[in-house]
Amino acid sequence: DGYGDTFRYGCKVAGCTVHFIDYGEDTGPIIGQRAFDI
């Protein structure tokens, strides 16, 4: 629940990430990101 966790934490900026998969949970190397203000 990335957007939910971001919003509930009170962040001022949210966004999304594209990454390659590795053996962890959402830990693979990042390809691109987009951010926006909350």
All heavy atoms as atom14 arrays in JSON, in Angstrom:
{
  "sequence": "DGYGDTFRYGCKVAGCTVHFIDYGEDTGPIIGQRAFDI",
  "atom14_mask": [
    [1, 1, 1, 1, 1, 1, 1, 1, 0, 0, 0, 0, 0, 0],
    [1, 1, 1, 1, 0, 0, 0, 0, 0, 0, 0, 0, 0, 0],
    [1, 1, 1, 1, 1, 1, 1, 1, 1, 1, 1, 1, 0, 0],
    [1, 1, 1, 1, 0, 0, 0, 0, 0, 0, 0, 0, 0, 0],
    [1, 1, 1, 1, 1, 1, 1, 1, 0, 0, 0, 0, 0, 0],
    [1, 1, 1, 1, 1, 1, 1, 0, 0, 0, 0, 0, 0, 0],
    [1, 1, 1, 1, 1, 1, 1, 1, 1, 1, 1, 0, 0, 0],
    [1, 1, 1, 1, 1, 1, 1, 1, 1, 1, 1, 0, 0, 0],
    [1, 1, 1, 1, 1, 1, 1, 1, 1, 1, 1, 1, 0, 0],
    [1, 1, 1, 1, 0, 0, 0, 0, 0, 0, 0, 0, 0, 0],
    [1, 1, 1, 1, 1, 1, 0, 0, 0, 0, 0, 0, 0, 0],
    [1, 1, 1, 1, 1, 1, 1, 1, 1, 0, 0, 0, 0, 0],
    [1, 1, 1, 1, 1, 1, 1, 0, 0, 0, 0, 0, 0, 0],
    [1, 1, 1, 1, 1, 0, 0, 0, 0, 0, 0, 0, 0, 0],
    [1, 1, 1, 1, 0, 0, 0, 0, 0, 0, 0, 0, 0, 0],
    [1, 1, 1, 1, 1, 1, 0, 0, 0, 0, 0, 0, 0, 0],
    [1, 1, 1, 1, 1, 1, 1, 0, 0, 0, 0, 0, 0, 0],
    [1, 1, 1, 1, 1, 1, 1, 0, 0, 0, 0, 0, 0, 0],
    [1, 1, 1, 1, 1, 1, 1, 1, 1, 1, 0, 0, 0, 0],
    [1, 1, 1, 1, 1, 1, 1, 1, 1, 1, 1, 0, 0, 0],
    [1, 1, 1, 1, 1, 1, 1, 1, 0, 0, 0, 0, 0, 0],
    [1, 1, 1, 1, 1, 1, 1, 1, 0, 0, 0, 0, 0, 0],
    [1, 1, 1, 1, 1, 1, 1, 1, 1, 1, 1, 1, 0, 0],
    [1, 1, 1, 1, 0, 0, 0, 0, 0, 0, 0, 0, 0, 0],
    [1, 1, 1, 1, 1, 1, 1, 1, 1, 0, 0, 0, 0, 0],
    [1, 1, 1, 1, 1, 1, 1, 1, 0, 0, 0, 0, 0, 0],
    [1, 1, 1, 1, 1, 1, 1, 0, 0, 0, 0, 0, 0, 0],
    [1, 1, 1, 1, 0, 0, 0, 0, 0, 0, 0, 0, 0, 0],
    [1, 1, 1, 1, 1, 1, 1, 0, 0, 0, 0, 0, 0, 0],
    [1, 1, 1, 1, 1, 1, 1, 1, 0, 0, 0, 0, 0, 0],
    [1, 1, 1, 1, 1, 1, 1, 1, 0, 0, 0, 0, 0, 0],
    [1, 1, 1, 1, 0, 0, 0, 0, 0, 0, 0, 0, 0, 0],
    [1, 1, 1, 1, 1, 1, 1, 1, 1, 0, 0, 0, 0, 0],
    [1, 1, 1, 1, 1, 1, 1, 1, 1, 1, 1, 0, 0, 0],
    [1, 1, 1, 1, 1, 0, 0, 0, 0, 0, 0, 0, 0, 0],
    [1, 1, 1, 1, 1, 1, 1, 1, 1, 1, 1, 0, 0, 0],
    [1, 1, 1, 1, 1, 1, 1, 1, 0, 0, 0, 0, 0, 0],
    [1, 1, 1, 1, 1, 1, 1, 1, 0, 0, 0, 0, 0, 0]
  ],
  "atom14_positions": [
    [[0.83, -1.2, 0.0], [0.0, 0.0, 0.0], [0.87, 1.25, 0.0], [0.83, 2.05, 0.94], [-0.93, -0.03, 1.22], [-2.01, 1.04, 1.15], [-2.21, 1.63, 0.06], [-2.65, 1.3, 2.19], [0.0, 0.0, 0.0], [0.0, 0.0, 0.0], [0.0, 0.0, 0.0], [0.0, 0.0, 0.0], [0.0, 0.0, 0.0], [0.0, 0.0, 0.0]],
    [[1.62, 1.47, -1.05], [2.56, 2.57, -1.11], [1.91, 3.94, -0.97], [2.37, 4.78, -0.18], [0.0, 0.0, 0.0], [0.0, 0.0, 0.0], [0.0, 0.0, 0.0], [0.0, 0.0, 0.0], [0.0, 0.0, 0.0], [0.0, 0.0, 0.0], [0.0, 0.0, 0.0], [0.0, 0.0, 0.0], [0.0, 0.0, 0.0], [0.0, 0.0, 0.0]],
    [[0.86, 4.19, -1.75], [0.2, 5.49, -1.65], [-0.44, 5.68, -0.29], [-0.38, 6.77, 0.3], [-0.85, 5.65, -2.75], [-0.28, 5.75, -4.14], [-0.81, 5.0, -5.19], [0.78, 6.6, -4.42], [-0.29, 5.08, -6.47], [1.32, 6.69, -5.7], [0.77, 5.92, -6.72], [1.29, 6.0, -7.99], [0.0, 0.0, 0.0], [0.0, 0.0, 0.0]],
    [[-1.06, 4.63, 0.22], [-1.68, 4.73, 1.54], [-0.66, 4.98, 2.63], [-0.86, 5.84, 3.51], [0.0, 0.0, 0.0], [0.0, 0.0, 0.0], [0.0, 0.0, 0.0], [0.0, 0.0, 0.0], [0.0, 0.0, 0.0], [0.0, 0.0, 0.0], [0.0, 0.0, 0.0], [0.0, 0.0, 0.0], [0.0, 0.0, 0.0], [0.0, 0.0, 0.0]],
    [[0.46, 4.28, 2.59], [1.52, 4.48, 3.59], [2.08, 5.9, 3.49], [2.34, 6.55, 4.51], [2.64, 3.46, 3.39], [2.22, 2.04, 3.75], [1.22, 1.89, 4.48], [2.87, 1.1, 3.29], [0.0, 0.0, 0.0], [0.0, 0.0, 0.0], [0.0, 0.0, 0.0], [0.0, 0.0, 0.0], [0.0, 0.0, 0.0], [0.0, 0.0, 0.0]],
    [[2.28, 6.38, 2.27], [2.79, 7.73, 2.07], [1.84, 8.77, 2.66], [2.26, 9.7, 3.36], [3.0, 8.01, 0.57], [3.91, 7.04, 0.03], [3.55, 9.4, 0.33], [0.0, 0.0, 0.0], [0.0, 0.0, 0.0], [0.0, 0.0, 0.0], [0.0, 0.0, 0.0], [0.0, 0.0, 0.0], [0.0, 0.0, 0.0], [0.0, 0.0, 0.0]],
    [[0.57, 8.61, 2.35], [-0.43, 9.59, 2.82], [-0.59, 9.55, 4.33], [-0.61, 10.59, 5.0], [-1.77, 9.29, 2.13], [-2.85, 10.29, 2.43], [-2.85, 11.54, 1.84], [-3.88, 9.97, 3.31], [-3.85, 12.46, 2.11], [-4.87, 10.88, 3.6], [-4.86, 12.13, 2.99], [0.0, 0.0, 0.0], [0.0, 0.0, 0.0], [0.0, 0.0, 0.0]],
    [[-0.67, 8.36, 4.9], [-0.88, 8.25, 6.34], [0.34, 8.73, 7.14], [0.19, 9.19, 8.26], [-1.2, 6.8, 6.71], [-2.61, 6.37, 6.31], [-2.94, 4.97, 6.82], [-2.18, 3.96, 6.12], [-2.6, 3.35, 5.01], [-3.78, 3.66, 4.49], [-1.87, 2.4, 4.44], [0.0, 0.0, 0.0], [0.0, 0.0, 0.0], [0.0, 0.0, 0.0]],
    [[1.51, 8.67, 6.54], [2.72, 9.14, 7.23], [2.78, 10.67, 7.28], [3.56, 11.24, 8.03], [3.96, 8.59, 6.53], [5.21, 8.62, 7.38], [5.47, 7.61, 8.3], [6.13, 9.66, 7.26], [6.61, 7.64, 9.08], [7.28, 9.68, 8.02], [7.51, 8.67, 8.94], [8.65, 8.7, 9.71], [0.0, 0.0, 0.0], [0.0, 0.0, 0.0]],
    [[1.97, 11.3, 6.45], [1.98, 12.76, 6.43], [3.01, 13.36, 5.49], [3.41, 14.52, 5.66], [0.0, 0.0, 0.0], [0.0, 0.0, 0.0], [0.0, 0.0, 0.0], [0.0, 0.0, 0.0], [0.0, 0.0, 0.0], [0.0, 0.0, 0.0], [0.0, 0.0, 0.0], [0.0, 0.0, 0.0], [0.0, 0.0, 0.0], [0.0, 0.0, 0.0]],
    [[3.44, 12.6, 4.49], [4.43, 13.11, 3.55], [3.87, 14.28, 2.74], [2.67, 14.35, 2.48], [4.88, 12.0, 2.6], [5.77, 10.66, 3.4], [0.0, 0.0, 0.0], [0.0, 0.0, 0.0], [0.0, 0.0, 0.0], [0.0, 0.0, 0.0], [0.0, 0.0, 0.0], [0.0, 0.0, 0.0], [0.0, 0.0, 0.0], [0.0, 0.0, 0.0]],
    [[4.74, 15.17, 2.33], [4.35, 16.3, 1.49], [4.53, 16.01, 0.01], [4.05, 16.75, -0.84], [5.18, 17.54, 1.86], [5.13, 17.92, 3.33], [3.7, 18.13, 3.82], [3.68, 18.55, 5.29], [2.29, 18.63, 5.82], [0.0, 0.0, 0.0], [0.0, 0.0, 0.0], [0.0, 0.0, 0.0], [0.0, 0.0, 0.0], [0.0, 0.0, 0.0]],
    [[5.24, 14.93, -0.28], [5.49, 14.52, -1.66], [5.22, 13.02, -1.78], [5.57, 12.25, -0.88], [6.95, 14.82, -2.08], [7.23, 14.3, -3.48], [7.22, 16.32, -2.01], [0.0, 0.0, 0.0], [0.0, 0.0, 0.0], [0.0, 0.0, 0.0], [0.0, 0.0, 0.0], [0.0, 0.0, 0.0], [0.0, 0.0, 0.0], [0.0, 0.0, 0.0]],
    [[4.57, 12.63, -2.86], [4.34, 11.21, -3.15], [4.87, 10.92, -4.55], [5.37, 11.82, -5.23], [2.86, 10.86, -3.03], [0.0, 0.0, 0.0], [0.0, 0.0, 0.0], [0.0, 0.0, 0.0], [0.0, 0.0, 0.0], [0.0, 0.0, 0.0], [0.0, 0.0, 0.0], [0.0, 0.0, 0.0], [0.0, 0.0, 0.0], [0.0, 0.0, 0.0]],
    [[4.76, 9.69, -4.97], [5.22, 9.38, -6.31], [5.22, 7.89, -6.59], [4.7, 7.08, -5.8], [0.0, 0.0, 0.0], [0.0, 0.0, 0.0], [0.0, 0.0, 0.0], [0.0, 0.0, 0.0], [0.0, 0.0, 0.0], [0.0, 0.0, 0.0], [0.0, 0.0, 0.0], [0.0, 0.0, 0.0], [0.0, 0.0, 0.0], [0.0, 0.0, 0.0]],
    [[5.79, 7.52, -7.73], [5.85, 6.12, -8.14], [7.25, 5.82, -8.66], [8.01, 6.72, -9.03], [4.8, 5.82, -9.21], [4.86, 6.91, -10.65], [0.0, 0.0, 0.0], [0.0, 0.0, 0.0], [0.0, 0.0, 0.0], [0.0, 0.0, 0.0], [0.0, 0.0, 0.0], [0.0, 0.0, 0.0], [0.0, 0.0, 0.0], [0.0, 0.0, 0.0]],
    [[7.59, 4.54, -8.68], [8.93, 4.09, -9.03], [8.85, 2.89, -9.95], [8.07, 1.96, -9.69], [9.72, 3.69, -7.77], [9.78, 4.78, -6.85], [11.13, 3.24, -8.12], [0.0, 0.0, 0.0], [0.0, 0.0, 0.0], [0.0, 0.0, 0.0], [0.0, 0.0, 0.0], [0.0, 0.0, 0.0], [0.0, 0.0, 0.0], [0.0, 0.0, 0.0]],
    [[9.64, 2.89, -10.99], [9.83, 1.7, -11.82], [11.22, 1.15, -11.52], [12.2, 1.9, -11.49], [9.69, 2.02, -13.32], [10.06, 0.79, -14.16], [8.28, 2.47, -13.65], [0.0, 0.0, 0.0], [0.0, 0.0, 0.0], [0.0, 0.0, 0.0], [0.0, 0.0, 0.0], [0.0, 0.0, 0.0], [0.0, 0.0, 0.0], [0.0, 0.0, 0.0]],
    [[11.29, -0.15, -11.27], [12.57, -0.76, -10.9], [12.63, -2.18, -11.43], [11.6, -2.8, -11.76], [12.75, -0.76, -9.38], [11.73, -1.58, -8.64], [11.98, -2.87, -8.2], [10.45, -1.32, -8.28], [10.91, -3.35, -7.59], [9.97, -2.43, -7.62], [0.0, 0.0, 0.0], [0.0, 0.0, 0.0], [0.0, 0.0, 0.0], [0.0, 0.0, 0.0]],
    [[13.83, -2.7, -11.5], [14.02, -4.12, -11.81], [13.8, -4.93, -10.53], [14.02, -4.45, -9.42], [15.42, -4.39, -12.34], [15.62, -4.0, -13.79], [16.58, -3.05, -14.14], [14.87, -4.58, -14.78], [16.79, -2.7, -15.46], [15.05, -4.24, -16.11], [16.01, -3.28, -16.45], [0.0, 0.0, 0.0], [0.0, 0.0, 0.0], [0.0, 0.0, 0.0]],
    [[13.36, -6.15, -10.69], [13.11, -7.05, -9.56], [14.41, -7.72, -9.13], [15.23, -8.15, -9.96], [12.08, -8.12, -9.97], [10.69, -7.51, -10.11], [12.05, -9.27, -8.97], [10.08, -7.04, -8.82], [0.0, 0.0, 0.0], [0.0, 0.0, 0.0], [0.0, 0.0, 0.0], [0.0, 0.0, 0.0], [0.0, 0.0, 0.0], [0.0, 0.0, 0.0]],
    [[14.6, -7.81, -7.8], [15.66, -8.64, -7.25], [15.05, -9.57, -6.21], [13.83, -9.77, -6.19], [16.82, -7.81, -6.71], [16.42, -6.94, -5.51], [15.27, -7.05, -5.03], [17.28, -6.17, -5.04], [0.0, 0.0, 0.0], [0.0, 0.0, 0.0], [0.0, 0.0, 0.0], [0.0, 0.0, 0.0], [0.0, 0.0, 0.0], [0.0, 0.0, 0.0]],
    [[15.85, -10.12, -5.32], [15.34, -11.1, -4.37], [14.61, -10.47, -3.17], [14.05, -11.19, -2.35], [16.48, -11.97, -3.84], [17.18, -12.8, -4.9], [18.56, -12.98, -4.84], [16.48, -13.41, -5.94], [19.23, -13.74, -5.8], [17.13, -14.16, -6.89], [18.51, -14.33, -6.82], [19.16, -15.08, -7.76], [0.0, 0.0, 0.0], [0.0, 0.0, 0.0]],
    [[14.65, -9.17, -3.02], [13.99, -8.5, -1.9], [12.6, -8.02, -2.28], [12.1, -8.25, -3.39], [0.0, 0.0, 0.0], [0.0, 0.0, 0.0], [0.0, 0.0, 0.0], [0.0, 0.0, 0.0], [0.0, 0.0, 0.0], [0.0, 0.0, 0.0], [0.0, 0.0, 0.0], [0.0, 0.0, 0.0], [0.0, 0.0, 0.0], [0.0, 0.0, 0.0]],
    [[11.97, -7.32, -1.35], [10.64, -6.76, -1.59], [10.79, -5.3, -2.01], [11.09, -4.44, -1.19], [9.76, -6.86, -0.35], [8.34, -6.35, -0.6], [7.43, -6.55, 0.61], [7.89, -6.38, 1.75], [6.26, -6.88, 0.4], [0.0, 0.0, 0.0], [0.0, 0.0, 0.0], [0.0, 0.0, 0.0], [0.0, 0.0, 0.0], [0.0, 0.0, 0.0]],
    [[10.63, -5.04, -3.31], [10.73, -3.68, -3.85], [12.1, -3.06, -3.59], [12.22, -1.87, -3.31], [9.62, -2.78, -3.28], [8.23, -3.3, -3.59], [8.02, -3.77, -4.72], [7.36, -3.25, -2.71], [0.0, 0.0, 0.0], [0.0, 0.0, 0.0], [0.0, 0.0, 0.0], [0.0, 0.0, 0.0], [0.0, 0.0, 0.0], [0.0, 0.0, 0.0]],
    [[13.15, -3.87, -3.67], [14.5, -3.41, -3.39], [15.39, -3.37, -4.62], [16.56, -3.0, -4.52], [15.17, -4.3, -2.33], [15.15, -5.67, -2.8], [14.46, -4.22, -0.99], [0.0, 0.0, 0.0], [0.0, 0.0, 0.0], [0.0, 0.0, 0.0], [0.0, 0.0, 0.0], [0.0, 0.0, 0.0], [0.0, 0.0, 0.0], [0.0, 0.0, 0.0]],
    [[14.87, -3.73, -5.78], [15.7, -3.81, -6.98], [16.14, -2.44, -7.47], [15.57, -1.4, -7.09], [0.0, 0.0, 0.0], [0.0, 0.0, 0.0], [0.0, 0.0, 0.0], [0.0, 0.0, 0.0], [0.0, 0.0, 0.0], [0.0, 0.0, 0.0], [0.0, 0.0, 0.0], [0.0, 0.0, 0.0], [0.0, 0.0, 0.0], [0.0, 0.0, 0.0]],
    [[17.15, -2.39, -8.33], [17.69, -1.12, -8.82], [16.64, -0.3, -9.57], [15.89, -0.8, -10.39], [18.84, -1.55, -9.74], [18.59, -2.98, -10.07], [17.86, -3.56, -8.91], [0.0, 0.0, 0.0], [0.0, 0.0, 0.0], [0.0, 0.0, 0.0], [0.0, 0.0, 0.0], [0.0, 0.0, 0.0], [0.0, 0.0, 0.0], [0.0, 0.0, 0.0]],
    [[16.65, 1.0, -9.26], [15.61, 1.92, -9.75], [15.92, 2.38, -11.17], [17.05, 2.75, -11.49], [15.5, 3.12, -8.79], [14.91, 2.66, -7.45], [14.65, 4.23, -9.4], [14.94, 3.71, -6.36], [0.0, 0.0, 0.0], [0.0, 0.0, 0.0], [0.0, 0.0, 0.0], [0.0, 0.0, 0.0], [0.0, 0.0, 0.0], [0.0, 0.0, 0.0]],
    [[14.88, 2.37, -12.01], [15.0, 2.82, -13.4], [14.49, 4.25, -13.55], [15.12, 5.09, -14.17], [14.21, 1.88, -14.33], [14.75, 0.45, -14.21], [14.28, 2.37, -15.77], [13.83, -0.59, -14.82], [0.0, 0.0, 0.0], [0.0, 0.0, 0.0], [0.0, 0.0, 0.0], [0.0, 0.0, 0.0], [0.0, 0.0, 0.0], [0.0, 0.0, 0.0]],
    [[13.32, 4.54, -12.99], [12.74, 5.87, -13.12], [11.75, 6.15, -12.01], [11.19, 5.23, -11.4], [0.0, 0.0, 0.0], [0.0, 0.0, 0.0], [0.0, 0.0, 0.0], [0.0, 0.0, 0.0], [0.0, 0.0, 0.0], [0.0, 0.0, 0.0], [0.0, 0.0, 0.0], [0.0, 0.0, 0.0], [0.0, 0.0, 0.0], [0.0, 0.0, 0.0]],
    [[11.52, 7.43, -11.73], [10.57, 7.85, -10.7], [9.85, 9.11, -11.15], [10.37, 9.9, -11.94], [11.29, 8.12, -9.37], [11.88, 6.87, -8.73], [12.61, 7.15, -7.43], [13.53, 7.96, -7.4], [12.2, 6.48, -6.36], [0.0, 0.0, 0.0], [0.0, 0.0, 0.0], [0.0, 0.0, 0.0], [0.0, 0.0, 0.0], [0.0, 0.0, 0.0]],
    [[8.63, 9.29, -10.64], [7.86, 10.51, -10.84], [7.29, 10.93, -9.5], [6.75, 10.09, -8.76], [6.73, 10.3, -11.83], [7.17, 10.11, -13.27], [7.74, 11.39, -13.88], [8.06, 11.2, -15.28], [9.16, 10.64, -15.74], [10.08, 10.19, -14.89], [9.36, 10.51, -17.04], [0.0, 0.0, 0.0], [0.0, 0.0, 0.0], [0.0, 0.0, 0.0]],
    [[7.4, 12.21, -9.17], [6.93, 12.73, -7.89], [5.86, 13.78, -8.11], [5.78, 14.41, -9.18], [8.09, 13.32, -7.1], [0.0, 0.0, 0.0], [0.0, 0.0, 0.0], [0.0, 0.0, 0.0], [0.0, 0.0, 0.0], [0.0, 0.0, 0.0], [0.0, 0.0, 0.0], [0.0, 0.0, 0.0], [0.0, 0.0, 0.0], [0.0, 0.0, 0.0]],
    [[5.04, 13.99, -7.08], [4.03, 15.06, -7.11], [3.76, 15.51, -5.68], [3.95, 14.75, -4.73], [2.74, 14.59, -7.79], [2.09, 13.39, -7.17], [1.14, 13.51, -6.16], [2.43, 12.11, -7.59], [0.54, 12.41, -5.59], [1.84, 10.98, -7.02], [0.89, 11.14, -6.02], [0.0, 0.0, 0.0], [0.0, 0.0, 0.0], [0.0, 0.0, 0.0]],
    [[3.31, 16.75, -5.54], [3.02, 17.31, -4.23], [1.71, 16.76, -3.68], [0.75, 16.55, -4.42], [2.91, 18.83, -4.3], [4.25, 19.5, -4.6], [5.28, 18.89, -4.28], [4.25, 20.61, -5.17], [0.0, 0.0, 0.0], [0.0, 0.0, 0.0], [0.0, 0.0, 0.0], [0.0, 0.0, 0.0], [0.0, 0.0, 0.0], [0.0, 0.0, 0.0]],
    [[1.7, 16.53, -2.38], [0.44, 16.23, -1.67], [-0.04, 17.55, -1.07], [0.63, 18.14, -0.21], [0.65, 15.18, -0.57], [1.13, 13.86, -1.19], [-0.64, 14.96, 0.21], [1.4, 12.77, -0.16], [0.0, 0.0, 0.0], [0.0, 0.0, 0.0], [0.0, 0.0, 0.0], [0.0, 0.0, 0.0], [0.0, 0.0, 0.0], [0.0, 0.0, 0.0]]
  ]
}
